[in-house]
Amino acid sequence: IRYLNWSAPGNWIVSSGIISFVLSLLRTKYLKNDSIQLLSLLKTPLKNHEILLSIIISSGIVGILQFLISYFLTNTLNNEYLSLIQSISLFILILPSIFFFATLGLLLGIFIKRDLVMICIIFFVFKTMVFAFGTFIPLGNYPINFSEFSMKIPISKIIENAQLIIQNKSYSYLGFLGTTALLIFTYLISLICSFKVFRK
């Protein structure tokens, strides 16, 4: 398989994940710091979880749109022809990673106050997505200890299995399940923290 085709799943996940992460982080940070907007929301019948879910879902939808755009562009430029079943499998497999990064952005946005810290965290998350999960560089090229550790991360499993799908090889949904579990766990932590920060 050509490198351009092999690296396509990494492109989809990084572009869609970082978009949803940044949007969620920005919305949460500015909501928390805009006392007028926050107070007006808290006076409505909306519950905390509804406010948080609206941020996650709206950011996730933009991430999905980015995934679809990058999916179409890379397949067109790489002359990659995937079947409908492959496309649906890829979408289902990658979907939880998009919402995980949106939820991670939400959690970090609750605590971040300074713009400089926010920029540093965005940069760190982006570099981690690019280099730590085998998105653009095969994990086999890293030291054994690092590659073994990285392969245990559910996001790495999603990327690996997405690469298997485009090669018409057998794959599993372990990464999907693991990322979904992380998504739920991160959301619950965000919900608990929001009660202390939003309604203090």
C-alpha atoms as a PDB file:
ATOM      1  CA  ILE A   1       0.000   0.000   0.000  1.00  0.00           C
ATOM      2  CA  ARG A   2       1.233   3.484  -0.838  1.00  0.00           C
ATOM      3  CA  TYR A   3       2.117   5.812   2.031  1.00  0.00           C
ATOM      4  CA  LEU A   4      -0.499   8.365   0.916  1.00  0.00           C
ATOM      5  CA  ASN A   5      -3.218   5.732   1.182  1.00  0.00           C
ATOM      6  CA  TRP A   6      -1.826   4.299   4.426  1.00  0.00           C
ATOM      7  CA  SER A   7      -1.714   7.723   6.099  1.00  0.00           C
ATOM      8  CA  ALA A   8      -5.228   8.751   4.987  1.00  0.00           C
ATOM      9  CA  PRO A   9      -6.961   7.514   8.191  1.00  0.00           C
ATOM     10  CA  GLY A  10      -4.489   9.538  10.239  1.00  0.00           C
ATOM     11  CA  ASN A  11      -5.364  12.602   8.194  1.00  0.00           C
ATOM     12  CA  TRP A  12      -9.096  12.043   8.781  1.00  0.00           C
ATOM     13  CA  ILE A  13      -8.739  11.564  12.538  1.00  0.00           C
ATOM     14  CA  VAL A  14      -6.263  14.384  13.139  1.00  0.00           C
ATOM     15  CA  SER A  15      -8.167  16.981  11.103  1.00  0.00           C
ATOM     16  CA  SER A  16     -11.608  16.109  12.467  1.00  0.00           C
ATOM     17  CA  GLY A  17     -10.362  15.521  16.015  1.00  0.00           C
ATOM     18  CA  ILE A  18      -8.419  18.781  16.332  1.00  0.00           C
ATOM     19  CA  ILE A  19     -11.332  20.800  14.914  1.00  0.00           C
ATOM     20  CA  SER A  20     -13.814  19.364  17.409  1.00  0.00           C
ATOM     21  CA  PHE A  21     -11.269  19.707  20.236  1.00  0.00           C
ATOM     22  CA  VAL A  22     -10.495  23.370  19.545  1.00  0.00           C
ATOM     23  CA  LEU A  23     -14.130  24.389  19.050  1.00  0.00           C
ATOM     24  CA  SER A  24     -15.236  22.677  22.251  1.00  0.00           C
ATOM     25  CA  LEU A  25     -12.315  24.147  24.187  1.00  0.00           C
ATOM     26  CA  LEU A  26     -13.004  27.683  22.937  1.00  0.00           C
ATOM     27  CA  ARG A  27     -16.746  27.515  23.552  1.00  0.00           C
ATOM     28  CA  THR A  28     -16.343  26.171  27.066  1.00  0.00           C
ATOM     29  CA  LYS A  29     -13.608  28.635  27.983  1.00  0.00           C
ATOM     30  CA  TYR A  30     -15.510  31.672  26.736  1.00  0.00           C
ATOM     31  CA  LEU A  31     -18.765  30.467  28.268  1.00  0.00           C
ATOM     32  CA  LYS A  32     -17.071  30.097  31.633  1.00  0.00           C
ATOM     33  CA  ASN A  33     -15.392  33.506  31.393  1.00  0.00           C
ATOM     34  CA  ASP A  34     -18.451  35.341  30.028  1.00  0.00           C
ATOM     35  CA  SER A  35     -20.328  35.807  33.286  1.00  0.00           C
ATOM     36  CA  ILE A  36     -23.350  37.437  31.615  1.00  0.00           C
ATOM     37  CA  GLN A  37     -23.866  34.564  29.169  1.00  0.00           C
ATOM     38  CA  LEU A  38     -23.214  31.957  31.839  1.00  0.00           C
ATOM     39  CA  LEU A  39     -25.632  33.526  34.321  1.00  0.00           C
ATOM     40  CA  SER A  40     -28.323  33.818  31.664  1.00  0.00           C
ATOM     41  CA  LEU A  41     -27.939  30.127  30.850  1.00  0.00           C
ATOM     42  CA  LEU A  42     -27.979  29.088  34.498  1.00  0.00           C
ATOM     43  CA  LYS A  43     -31.245  30.995  35.044  1.00  0.00           C
ATOM     44  CA  THR A  44     -32.957  28.899  32.375  1.00  0.00           C
ATOM     45  CA  PRO A  45     -34.418  25.423  33.034  1.00  0.00           C
ATOM     46  CA  LEU A  46     -31.395  23.929  31.268  1.00  0.00           C
ATOM     47  CA  LYS A  47     -29.466  21.392  33.298  1.00  0.00           C
ATOM     48  CA  ASN A  48     -25.674  21.258  33.395  1.00  0.00           C
ATOM     49  CA  HIS A  49     -25.555  18.106  31.301  1.00  0.00           C
ATOM     50  CA  GLU A  50     -27.709  19.740  28.617  1.00  0.00           C
ATOM     51  CA  ILE A  51     -25.334  22.703  28.355  1.00  0.00           C
ATOM     52  CA  LEU A  52     -22.323  20.391  28.145  1.00  0.00           C
ATOM     53  CA  LEU A  53     -23.963  18.087  25.614  1.00  0.00           C
ATOM     54  CA  SER A  54     -24.866  21.036  23.386  1.00  0.00           C
ATOM     55  CA  ILE A  55     -21.180  22.030  23.279  1.00  0.00           C
ATOM     56  CA  ILE A  56     -20.018  18.464  22.606  1.00  0.00           C
ATOM     57  CA  ILE A  57     -22.623  17.751  19.937  1.00  0.00           C
ATOM     58  CA  SER A  58     -22.181  21.048  18.072  1.00  0.00           C
ATOM     59  CA  SER A  59     -18.384  20.670  18.094  1.00  0.00           C
ATOM     60  CA  GLY A  60     -18.701  17.013  17.106  1.00  0.00           C
ATOM     61  CA  ILE A  61     -20.937  17.878  14.157  1.00  0.00           C
ATOM     62  CA  VAL A  62     -18.312  20.287  12.824  1.00  0.00           C
ATOM     63  CA  GLY A  63     -15.722  17.541  13.332  1.00  0.00           C
ATOM     64  CA  ILE A  64     -17.883  15.124  11.340  1.00  0.00           C
ATOM     65  CA  LEU A  65     -18.184  17.646   8.512  1.00  0.00           C
ATOM     66  CA  GLN A  66     -14.407  18.020   8.530  1.00  0.00           C
ATOM     67  CA  PHE A  67     -14.043  14.236   8.423  1.00  0.00           C
ATOM     68  CA  LEU A  68     -16.355  13.999   5.413  1.00  0.00           C
ATOM     69  CA  ILE A  69     -14.471  16.768   3.593  1.00  0.00           C
ATOM     70  CA  SER A  70     -11.041  15.262   4.271  1.00  0.00           C
ATOM     71  CA  TYR A  71     -12.376  11.780   3.433  1.00  0.00           C
ATOM     72  CA  PHE A  72     -13.635  12.968   0.047  1.00  0.00           C
ATOM     73  CA  LEU A  73     -10.490  14.975  -0.737  1.00  0.00           C
ATOM     74  CA  THR A  74      -7.964  12.277   0.203  1.00  0.00           C
ATOM     75  CA  ASN A  75      -9.853   9.571  -1.658  1.00  0.00           C
ATOM     76  CA  THR A  76     -10.071  11.782  -4.727  1.00  0.00           C
ATOM     77  CA  LEU A  77      -6.424  12.858  -4.674  1.00  0.00           C
ATOM     78  CA  ASN A  78      -5.144   9.361  -3.855  1.00  0.00           C
ATOM     79  CA  ASN A  79      -7.380   7.669  -6.423  1.00  0.00           C
ATOM     80  CA  GLU A  80      -8.740   5.516  -3.596  1.00  0.00           C
ATOM     81  CA  TYR A  81     -12.000   3.720  -4.318  1.00  0.00           C
ATOM     82  CA  LEU A  82     -13.670   2.346  -1.216  1.00  0.00           C
ATOM     83  CA  SER A  83     -16.942   0.453  -1.168  1.00  0.00           C
ATOM     84  CA  LEU A  84     -20.031   1.687   0.645  1.00  0.00           C
ATOM     85  CA  ILE A  85     -19.517  -0.925   3.375  1.00  0.00           C
ATOM     86  CA  GLN A  86     -15.899   0.175   3.860  1.00  0.00           C
ATOM     87  CA  SER A  87     -16.963   3.832   4.041  1.00  0.00           C
ATOM     88  CA  ILE A  88     -19.682   3.126   6.605  1.00  0.00           C
ATOM     89  CA  SER A  89     -17.309   0.968   8.662  1.00  0.00           C
ATOM     90  CA  LEU A  90     -14.701   3.737   8.659  1.00  0.00           C
ATOM     91  CA  PHE A  91     -17.254   6.348   9.701  1.00  0.00           C
ATOM     92  CA  ILE A  92     -18.569   4.211  12.579  1.00  0.00           C
ATOM     93  CA  LEU A  93     -15.030   3.347  13.678  1.00  0.00           C
ATOM     94  CA  ILE A  94     -13.794   6.952  13.710  1.00  0.00           C
ATOM     95  CA  LEU A  95     -16.957   8.601  15.096  1.00  0.00           C
ATOM     96  CA  PRO A  96     -16.199   8.106  18.828  1.00  0.00           C
ATOM     97  CA  SER A  97     -12.725   9.627  18.420  1.00  0.00           C
ATOM     98  CA  ILE A  98     -14.290  12.849  17.112  1.00  0.00           C
ATOM     99  CA  PHE A  99     -16.618  13.136  20.104  1.00  0.00           C
ATOM    100  CA  PHE A 100     -13.852  12.086  22.494  1.00  0.00           C
ATOM    101  CA  PHE A 101     -11.697  15.036  21.448  1.00  0.00           C
ATOM    102  CA  ALA A 102     -14.730  17.317  21.697  1.00  0.00           C
ATOM    103  CA  THR A 103     -15.301  16.071  25.246  1.00  0.00           C
ATOM    104  CA  LEU A 104     -11.612  16.435  26.092  1.00  0.00           C
ATOM    105  CA  GLY A 105     -11.742  20.028  24.875  1.00  0.00           C
ATOM    106  CA  LEU A 106     -14.795  20.589  27.057  1.00  0.00           C
ATOM    107  CA  LEU A 107     -13.032  19.242  30.142  1.00  0.00           C
ATOM    108  CA  LEU A 108      -9.904  21.320  29.607  1.00  0.00           C
ATOM    109  CA  GLY A 109     -11.961  24.408  28.756  1.00  0.00           C
ATOM    110  CA  ILE A 110     -13.571  24.261  32.193  1.00  0.00           C
ATOM    111  CA  PHE A 111     -10.203  24.886  33.872  1.00  0.00           C
ATOM    112  CA  ILE A 112      -8.181  26.957  31.393  1.00  0.00           C
ATOM    113  CA  LYS A 113      -8.132  30.682  32.091  1.00  0.00           C
ATOM    114  CA  ARG A 114      -5.250  32.156  30.090  1.00  0.00           C
ATOM    115  CA  ASP A 115      -5.098  32.250  26.292  1.00  0.00           C
ATOM    116  CA  LEU A 116      -1.383  31.402  26.300  1.00  0.00           C
ATOM    117  CA  VAL A 117      -2.057  28.206  28.257  1.00  0.00           C
ATOM    118  CA  MET A 118      -4.866  27.353  25.849  1.00  0.00           C
ATOM    119  CA  ILE A 119      -2.586  27.794  22.822  1.00  0.00           C
ATOM    120  CA  CYS A 120       0.102  25.615  24.409  1.00  0.00           C
ATOM    121  CA  ILE A 121      -2.423  22.862  25.167  1.00  0.00           C
ATOM    122  CA  ILE A 122      -3.846  22.950  21.634  1.00  0.00           C
ATOM    123  CA  PHE A 123      -0.314  22.664  20.252  1.00  0.00           C
ATOM    124  CA  PHE A 124       0.509  19.803  22.614  1.00  0.00           C
ATOM    125  CA  VAL A 125      -2.666  17.882  21.729  1.00  0.00           C
ATOM    126  CA  PHE A 126      -2.035  18.401  18.014  1.00  0.00           C
ATOM    127  CA  LYS A 127       1.565  17.157  18.268  1.00  0.00           C
ATOM    128  CA  THR A 128       0.391  14.164  20.298  1.00  0.00           C
ATOM    129  CA  MET A 129      -2.235  13.302  17.685  1.00  0.00           C
ATOM    130  CA  VAL A 130       0.337  13.554  14.897  1.00  0.00           C
ATOM    131  CA  PHE A 131       3.237  11.655  16.465  1.00  0.00           C
ATOM    132  CA  ALA A 132       1.954   9.446  19.299  1.00  0.00           C
ATOM    133  CA  PHE A 133      -0.782   7.338  17.715  1.00  0.00           C
ATOM    134  CA  GLY A 134       0.843   6.071  14.525  1.00  0.00           C
ATOM    135  CA  THR A 135      -1.123   8.494  12.382  1.00  0.00           C
ATOM    136  CA  PHE A 136       1.625   9.524   9.970  1.00  0.00           C
ATOM    137  CA  ILE A 137       4.625   7.529  11.202  1.00  0.00           C
ATOM    138  CA  PRO A 138       4.282   3.754  11.725  1.00  0.00           C
ATOM    139  CA  LEU A 139       4.615   2.844  15.388  1.00  0.00           C
ATOM    140  CA  GLY A 140       7.140   0.201  14.404  1.00  0.00           C
ATOM    141  CA  ASN A 141       9.614   3.007  13.679  1.00  0.00           C
ATOM    142  CA  TYR A 142       9.552   4.145  17.297  1.00  0.00           C
ATOM    143  CA  PRO A 143      11.424   2.560  20.224  1.00  0.00           C
ATOM    144  CA  ILE A 144       9.806  -0.701  21.313  1.00  0.00           C
ATOM    145  CA  ASN A 145       8.735   0.547  24.744  1.00  0.00           C
ATOM    146  CA  PHE A 146       6.989   3.578  23.253  1.00  0.00           C
ATOM    147  CA  SER A 147       5.301   1.659  20.446  1.00  0.00           C
ATOM    148  CA  GLU A 148       4.032  -1.013  22.853  1.00  0.00           C
ATOM    149  CA  PHE A 149       2.612   1.679  25.142  1.00  0.00           C
ATOM    150  CA  SER A 150       1.036   3.599  22.259  1.00  0.00           C
ATOM    151  CA  MET A 151      -0.605   0.485  20.843  1.00  0.00           C
ATOM    152  CA  LYS A 152      -2.544   0.114  24.101  1.00  0.00           C
ATOM    153  CA  ILE A 153      -4.213   3.498  23.547  1.00  0.00           C
ATOM    154  CA  PRO A 154      -7.672   3.051  21.965  1.00  0.00           C
ATOM    155  CA  ILE A 155      -7.119   5.889  19.460  1.00  0.00           C
ATOM    156  CA  SER A 156      -4.100   4.003  18.090  1.00  0.00           C
ATOM    157  CA  LYS A 157      -6.296   0.924  17.688  1.00  0.00           C
ATOM    158  CA  ILE A 158      -8.844   2.966  15.724  1.00  0.00           C
ATOM    159  CA  ILE A 159      -6.148   4.233  13.351  1.00  0.00           C
ATOM    160  CA  GLU A 160      -4.671   0.756  12.936  1.00  0.00           C
ATOM    161  CA  ASN A 161      -8.048  -0.796  12.159  1.00  0.00           C
ATOM    162  CA  ALA A 162      -8.972   2.030   9.778  1.00  0.00           C
ATOM    163  CA  GLN A 163      -5.773   1.262   7.889  1.00  0.00           C
ATOM    164  CA  LEU A 164      -6.783  -2.400   7.797  1.00  0.00           C
ATOM    165  CA  ILE A 165     -10.209  -1.502   6.400  1.00  0.00           C
ATOM    166  CA  ILE A 166      -8.775   0.385   3.428  1.00  0.00           C
ATOM    167  CA  GLN A 167      -6.509  -2.619   2.769  1.00  0.00           C
ATOM    168  CA  ASN A 168      -9.511  -4.985   2.783  1.00  0.00           C
ATOM    169  CA  LYS A 169      -8.120  -6.887   5.764  1.00  0.00           C
ATOM    170  CA  SER A 170      -9.927  -8.158   8.838  1.00  0.00           C
ATOM    171  CA  TYR A 171     -10.319  -5.623  11.635  1.00  0.00           C
ATOM    172  CA  SER A 172     -11.867  -5.282  15.071  1.00  0.00           C
ATOM    173  CA  TYR A 173     -13.867  -2.684  16.992  1.00  0.00           C
ATOM    174  CA  LEU A 174     -11.774  -2.851  20.167  1.00  0.00           C
ATOM    175  CA  GLY A 175     -10.510   0.679  19.569  1.00  0.00           C
ATOM    176  CA  PHE A 176     -14.087   1.819  19.027  1.00  0.00           C
ATOM    177  CA  LEU A 177     -15.202   0.322  22.337  1.00  0.00           C
ATOM    178  CA  GLY A 178     -12.168   1.613  24.228  1.00  0.00           C
ATOM    179  CA  THR A 179     -12.548   5.141  22.884  1.00  0.00           C
ATOM    180  CA  THR A 180     -16.263   5.108  23.668  1.00  0.00           C
ATOM    181  CA  ALA A 181     -15.453   4.118  27.255  1.00  0.00           C
ATOM    182  CA  LEU A 182     -12.912   6.960  27.497  1.00  0.00           C
ATOM    183  CA  LEU A 183     -15.487   9.327  26.014  1.00  0.00           C
ATOM    184  CA  ILE A 184     -18.068   8.441  28.660  1.00  0.00           C
ATOM    185  CA  PHE A 185     -15.492   8.629  31.464  1.00  0.00           C
ATOM    186  CA  THR A 186     -14.243  12.047  30.308  1.00  0.00           C
ATOM    187  CA  TYR A 187     -17.799  13.336  30.006  1.00  0.00           C
ATOM    188  CA  LEU A 188     -18.678  12.221  33.543  1.00  0.00           C
ATOM    189  CA  ILE A 189     -15.593  13.978  34.923  1.00  0.00           C
ATOM    190  CA  SER A 190     -16.548  17.106  32.973  1.00  0.00           C
ATOM    191  CA  LEU A 191     -20.069  16.968  34.357  1.00  0.00           C
ATOM    192  CA  ILE A 192     -18.840  16.683  37.943  1.00  0.00           C
ATOM    193  CA  CYS A 193     -16.351  19.519  37.466  1.00  0.00           C
ATOM    194  CA  SER A 194     -18.966  21.747  35.817  1.00  0.00           C
ATOM    195  CA  PHE A 195     -21.080  21.771  38.977  1.00  0.00           C
ATOM    196  CA  LYS A 196     -18.128  23.152  40.922  1.00  0.00           C
ATOM    197  CA  VAL A 197     -17.117  25.724  38.289  1.00  0.00           C
ATOM    198  CA  PHE A 198     -20.390  26.867  36.674  1.00  0.00           C
ATOM    199  CA  ARG A 199     -22.562  26.888  39.779  1.00  0.00           C
ATOM    200  CA  LYS A 200     -20.101  27.992  42.400  1.00  0.00           C
END
